[in-house]
Each structure stands twice: as C-alpha cells, then as structure tokens.
Amino acid sequence: MKKLNQTIHRKLVAQAQEAKSKGLTKMGQDILDAVGPECMSEPEEYAYSQLKEDIKSDLWKSATRLIGHYNLNSVDAEKVQKTIEILAFDVVSELEDTLNVDPADQGTLDPKVPGENK
C-alpha cells in the first residue's frame, strides 16, 4: 500500500477519531485501517497506471474473500477478471468525482516524462 503524505494522513486520522466520538465506530476504524499507522516521509513516484493496477489487485482480494466465504470449488477467472476491470474503472471514476480531482491532470507523484521539469 502506498503511504499518504503527512498532511492528509493527519487529517484522516483526525476524521477517524471524530467519527468514533460521534458513534461512527466502524467508519472510524475503517479509515484507520486504510491509512495505516505511518505516513510517507519522502514523496515516492506513483504512476496512474500503477494506481489502477493496485485497485484491480485489491478487487481480486475482495473476490477471493467471496470465493472463500462461499467455499467455492471452482470459478471462471476470466469472468471474474472482466468484472474486476469494469469495477476498477467505476471505482476510480466515482472516487475521482468524490475527491473532486480531474483524471486528465497529472498527479504530483506521477513519474515525469523525459524533458519535463521536476
């Protein structure tokens, strides 16, 4: 998992604590579990393409939890992958809307292309 910068890490931890104080214990704990105990000390490159692959990987983890829950003996991995591709696109798009970010804008952690100013 990629670590968050110190500013947003602190803000999310504070929001998690606030949620818990308002009785939204599950939400608070979910935030804390997601952000982890540490923030990043130095910015690390993180390509948008890698972000999308990481989300697909996380969706596969969710799929395997379902497979385990239902104690399945077989699945059509190609069908699961197709569903994951669709869900990953939808998740990224919806969260970009929610976070009010434009996917056309290059993220500050995206690797710079040759000749681009850092």
C-alpha atoms as a PDB file:
ATOM      1  CA  MET A   1       0.000   0.000   0.000  1.00  0.00           C
ATOM      2  CA  LYS A   2       1.224   3.481  -0.810  1.00  0.00           C
ATOM      3  CA  LYS A   3       1.564   5.732   2.212  1.00  0.00           C
ATOM      4  CA  LEU A   4      -0.151   9.099   2.367  1.00  0.00           C
ATOM      5  CA  ASN A   5       1.586  12.429   2.816  1.00  0.00           C
ATOM      6  CA  GLN A   6       1.767  13.730   6.364  1.00  0.00           C
ATOM      7  CA  THR A   7      -0.901  16.421   5.932  1.00  0.00           C
ATOM      8  CA  ILE A   8      -3.696  14.195   4.622  1.00  0.00           C
ATOM      9  CA  HIS A   9      -2.669  11.343   6.915  1.00  0.00           C
ATOM     10  CA  ARG A  10      -3.125  13.555   9.983  1.00  0.00           C
ATOM     11  CA  LYS A  11      -6.435  14.920   8.685  1.00  0.00           C
ATOM     12  CA  LEU A  12      -7.842  11.456   8.002  1.00  0.00           C
ATOM     13  CA  VAL A  13      -6.727  10.192  11.409  1.00  0.00           C
ATOM     14  CA  ALA A  14      -8.454  13.199  12.988  1.00  0.00           C
ATOM     15  CA  GLN A  15     -11.622  12.495  10.976  1.00  0.00           C
ATOM     16  CA  ALA A  16     -11.494   8.854  12.051  1.00  0.00           C
ATOM     17  CA  GLN A  17     -11.251   9.885  15.698  1.00  0.00           C
ATOM     18  CA  GLU A  18     -14.092  12.357  15.226  1.00  0.00           C
ATOM     19  CA  ALA A  19     -16.217   9.655  13.601  1.00  0.00           C
ATOM     20  CA  LYS A  20     -15.588   7.355  16.552  1.00  0.00           C
ATOM     21  CA  SER A  21     -16.530  10.115  19.008  1.00  0.00           C
ATOM     22  CA  LYS A  22     -19.818  10.550  17.112  1.00  0.00           C
ATOM     23  CA  GLY A  23     -20.587   6.858  17.462  1.00  0.00           C
ATOM     24  CA  LEU A  24     -19.496   6.021  13.910  1.00  0.00           C
ATOM     25  CA  THR A  25     -17.051   3.485  15.267  1.00  0.00           C
ATOM     26  CA  LYS A  26     -16.964   1.247  12.188  1.00  0.00           C
ATOM     27  CA  MET A  27     -16.299   4.167   9.844  1.00  0.00           C
ATOM     28  CA  GLY A  28     -13.567   5.481  12.118  1.00  0.00           C
ATOM     29  CA  GLN A  29     -11.891   2.102  12.335  1.00  0.00           C
ATOM     30  CA  ASP A  30     -12.172   1.558   8.574  1.00  0.00           C
ATOM     31  CA  ILE A  31     -10.386   4.860   7.957  1.00  0.00           C
ATOM     32  CA  LEU A  32      -7.635   3.997  10.447  1.00  0.00           C
ATOM     33  CA  ASP A  33      -7.187   0.546   8.914  1.00  0.00           C
ATOM     34  CA  ALA A  34      -6.960   2.079   5.435  1.00  0.00           C
ATOM     35  CA  VAL A  35      -4.468   4.860   6.195  1.00  0.00           C
ATOM     36  CA  GLY A  36      -2.184   2.754   8.358  1.00  0.00           C
ATOM     37  CA  PRO A  37      -0.046   3.896  11.267  1.00  0.00           C
ATOM     38  CA  GLU A  38       2.546   5.850   9.273  1.00  0.00           C
ATOM     39  CA  CYS A  39       2.680   8.490   6.578  1.00  0.00           C
ATOM     40  CA  MET A  40       5.351   8.792   3.918  1.00  0.00           C
ATOM     41  CA  SER A  41       8.408  10.783   4.863  1.00  0.00           C
ATOM     42  CA  GLU A  42       9.507  11.493   1.293  1.00  0.00           C
ATOM     43  CA  PRO A  43       7.291  11.591  -1.803  1.00  0.00           C
ATOM     44  CA  GLU A  44       7.610   8.471  -3.959  1.00  0.00           C
ATOM     45  CA  GLU A  45       6.672   8.246  -7.616  1.00  0.00           C
ATOM     46  CA  TYR A  46       3.356   6.512  -8.146  1.00  0.00           C
ATOM     47  CA  ALA A  47       2.137   6.236 -11.701  1.00  0.00           C
ATOM     48  CA  TYR A  48      -1.571   6.457 -12.502  1.00  0.00           C
ATOM     49  CA  SER A  49      -1.289   3.165 -14.373  1.00  0.00           C
ATOM     50  CA  GLN A  50       0.126   1.528 -11.229  1.00  0.00           C
ATOM     51  CA  LEU A  51      -2.702   3.012  -9.165  1.00  0.00           C
ATOM     52  CA  LYS A  52      -5.258   1.341 -11.437  1.00  0.00           C
ATOM     53  CA  GLU A  53      -3.396  -1.982 -11.279  1.00  0.00           C
ATOM     54  CA  ASP A  54      -3.272  -1.777  -7.476  1.00  0.00           C
ATOM     55  CA  ILE A  55      -7.038  -1.227  -7.371  1.00  0.00           C
ATOM     56  CA  LYS A  56      -7.581  -4.269  -9.594  1.00  0.00           C
ATOM     57  CA  SER A  57      -5.356  -6.298  -7.294  1.00  0.00           C
ATOM     58  CA  ASP A  58      -7.383  -5.154  -4.289  1.00  0.00           C
ATOM     59  CA  LEU A  59     -10.600  -6.131  -6.083  1.00  0.00           C
ATOM     60  CA  TRP A  60      -9.157  -9.600  -6.699  1.00  0.00           C
ATOM     61  CA  LYS A  61      -8.542  -9.809  -2.943  1.00  0.00           C
ATOM     62  CA  SER A  62     -12.206  -8.960  -2.408  1.00  0.00           C
ATOM     63  CA  ALA A  63     -13.232 -11.602  -4.948  1.00  0.00           C
ATOM     64  CA  THR A  64     -11.153 -14.240  -3.194  1.00  0.00           C
ATOM     65  CA  ARG A  65     -12.817 -13.325   0.108  1.00  0.00           C
ATOM     66  CA  LEU A  66     -16.182 -14.013  -1.524  1.00  0.00           C
ATOM     67  CA  ILE A  67     -14.882 -17.247  -3.016  1.00  0.00           C
ATOM     68  CA  GLY A  68     -13.688 -18.300   0.424  1.00  0.00           C
ATOM     69  CA  HIS A  69     -16.904 -17.220   2.118  1.00  0.00           C
ATOM     70  CA  TYR A  70     -18.967 -19.375  -0.217  1.00  0.00           C
ATOM     71  CA  ASN A  71     -16.371 -22.158  -0.077  1.00  0.00           C
ATOM     72  CA  LEU A  72     -16.405 -22.452  -3.857  1.00  0.00           C
ATOM     73  CA  ASN A  73     -14.509 -25.232  -5.569  1.00  0.00           C
ATOM     74  CA  SER A  74     -14.165 -23.502  -8.926  1.00  0.00           C
ATOM     75  CA  VAL A  75     -14.638 -20.115 -10.591  1.00  0.00           C
ATOM     76  CA  ASP A  76     -14.259 -18.738 -14.095  1.00  0.00           C
ATOM     77  CA  ALA A  77     -11.249 -16.479 -13.568  1.00  0.00           C
ATOM     78  CA  GLU A  78     -11.737 -14.784 -16.939  1.00  0.00           C
ATOM     79  CA  LYS A  79     -15.275 -13.740 -15.972  1.00  0.00           C
ATOM     80  CA  VAL A  80     -14.037 -12.532 -12.601  1.00  0.00           C
ATOM     81  CA  GLN A  81     -11.273 -10.539 -14.318  1.00  0.00           C
ATOM     82  CA  LYS A  82     -13.775  -8.952 -16.706  1.00  0.00           C
ATOM     83  CA  THR A  83     -15.952  -7.891 -13.753  1.00  0.00           C
ATOM     84  CA  ILE A  84     -12.894  -6.569 -11.916  1.00  0.00           C
ATOM     85  CA  GLU A  85     -11.880  -4.490 -14.957  1.00  0.00           C
ATOM     86  CA  ILE A  86     -15.351  -2.901 -15.041  1.00  0.00           C
ATOM     87  CA  LEU A  87     -15.471  -2.346 -11.283  1.00  0.00           C
ATOM     88  CA  ALA A  88     -11.958  -0.872 -11.181  1.00  0.00           C
ATOM     89  CA  PHE A  89     -12.884   1.667 -13.851  1.00  0.00           C
ATOM     90  CA  ASP A  90     -16.088   2.544 -11.986  1.00  0.00           C
ATOM     91  CA  VAL A  91     -14.366   2.771  -8.587  1.00  0.00           C
ATOM     92  CA  VAL A  92     -11.624   5.050  -9.902  1.00  0.00           C
ATOM     93  CA  SER A  93     -14.106   7.268 -11.761  1.00  0.00           C
ATOM     94  CA  GLU A  94     -16.502   7.576  -8.823  1.00  0.00           C
ATOM     95  CA  LEU A  95     -13.751   8.273  -6.314  1.00  0.00           C
ATOM     96  CA  GLU A  96     -12.132  10.854  -8.597  1.00  0.00           C
ATOM     97  CA  ASP A  97     -15.526  12.587  -8.760  1.00  0.00           C
ATOM     98  CA  THR A  98     -15.966  12.339  -4.989  1.00  0.00           C
ATOM     99  CA  LEU A  99     -12.443  13.647  -4.367  1.00  0.00           C
ATOM    100  CA  ASN A 100     -13.005  16.390  -6.938  1.00  0.00           C
ATOM    101  CA  VAL A 101      -9.919  15.523  -8.993  1.00  0.00           C
ATOM    102  CA  ASP A 102      -9.607  15.606 -12.756  1.00  0.00           C
ATOM    103  CA  PRO A 103      -8.133  12.401 -14.184  1.00  0.00           C
ATOM    104  CA  ALA A 104      -6.696  14.476 -17.038  1.00  0.00           C
ATOM    105  CA  ASP A 105      -4.453  16.274 -14.532  1.00  0.00           C
ATOM    106  CA  GLN A 106      -1.174  14.526 -13.856  1.00  0.00           C
ATOM    107  CA  GLY A 107      -0.770  13.643 -10.186  1.00  0.00           C
ATOM    108  CA  THR A 108       2.171  15.179  -8.369  1.00  0.00           C
ATOM    109  CA  LEU A 109       3.606  11.690  -7.772  1.00  0.00           C
ATOM    110  CA  ASP A 110       3.311  10.572 -11.405  1.00  0.00           C
ATOM    111  CA  PRO A 111       6.752   9.921 -12.878  1.00  0.00           C
ATOM    112  CA  LYS A 112       7.988  12.797 -15.009  1.00  0.00           C
ATOM    113  CA  VAL A 113       8.423  12.158 -18.699  1.00  0.00           C
ATOM    114  CA  PRO A 114      11.856  12.853 -20.203  1.00  0.00           C
ATOM    115  CA  GLY A 115      12.353  16.594 -20.714  1.00  0.00           C
ATOM    116  CA  GLU A 116       9.602  17.555 -18.263  1.00  0.00           C
ATOM    117  CA  ASN A 117      10.520  19.895 -15.416  1.00  0.00           C
ATOM    118  CA  LYS A 118      10.505  18.354 -11.980  1.00  0.00           C
END
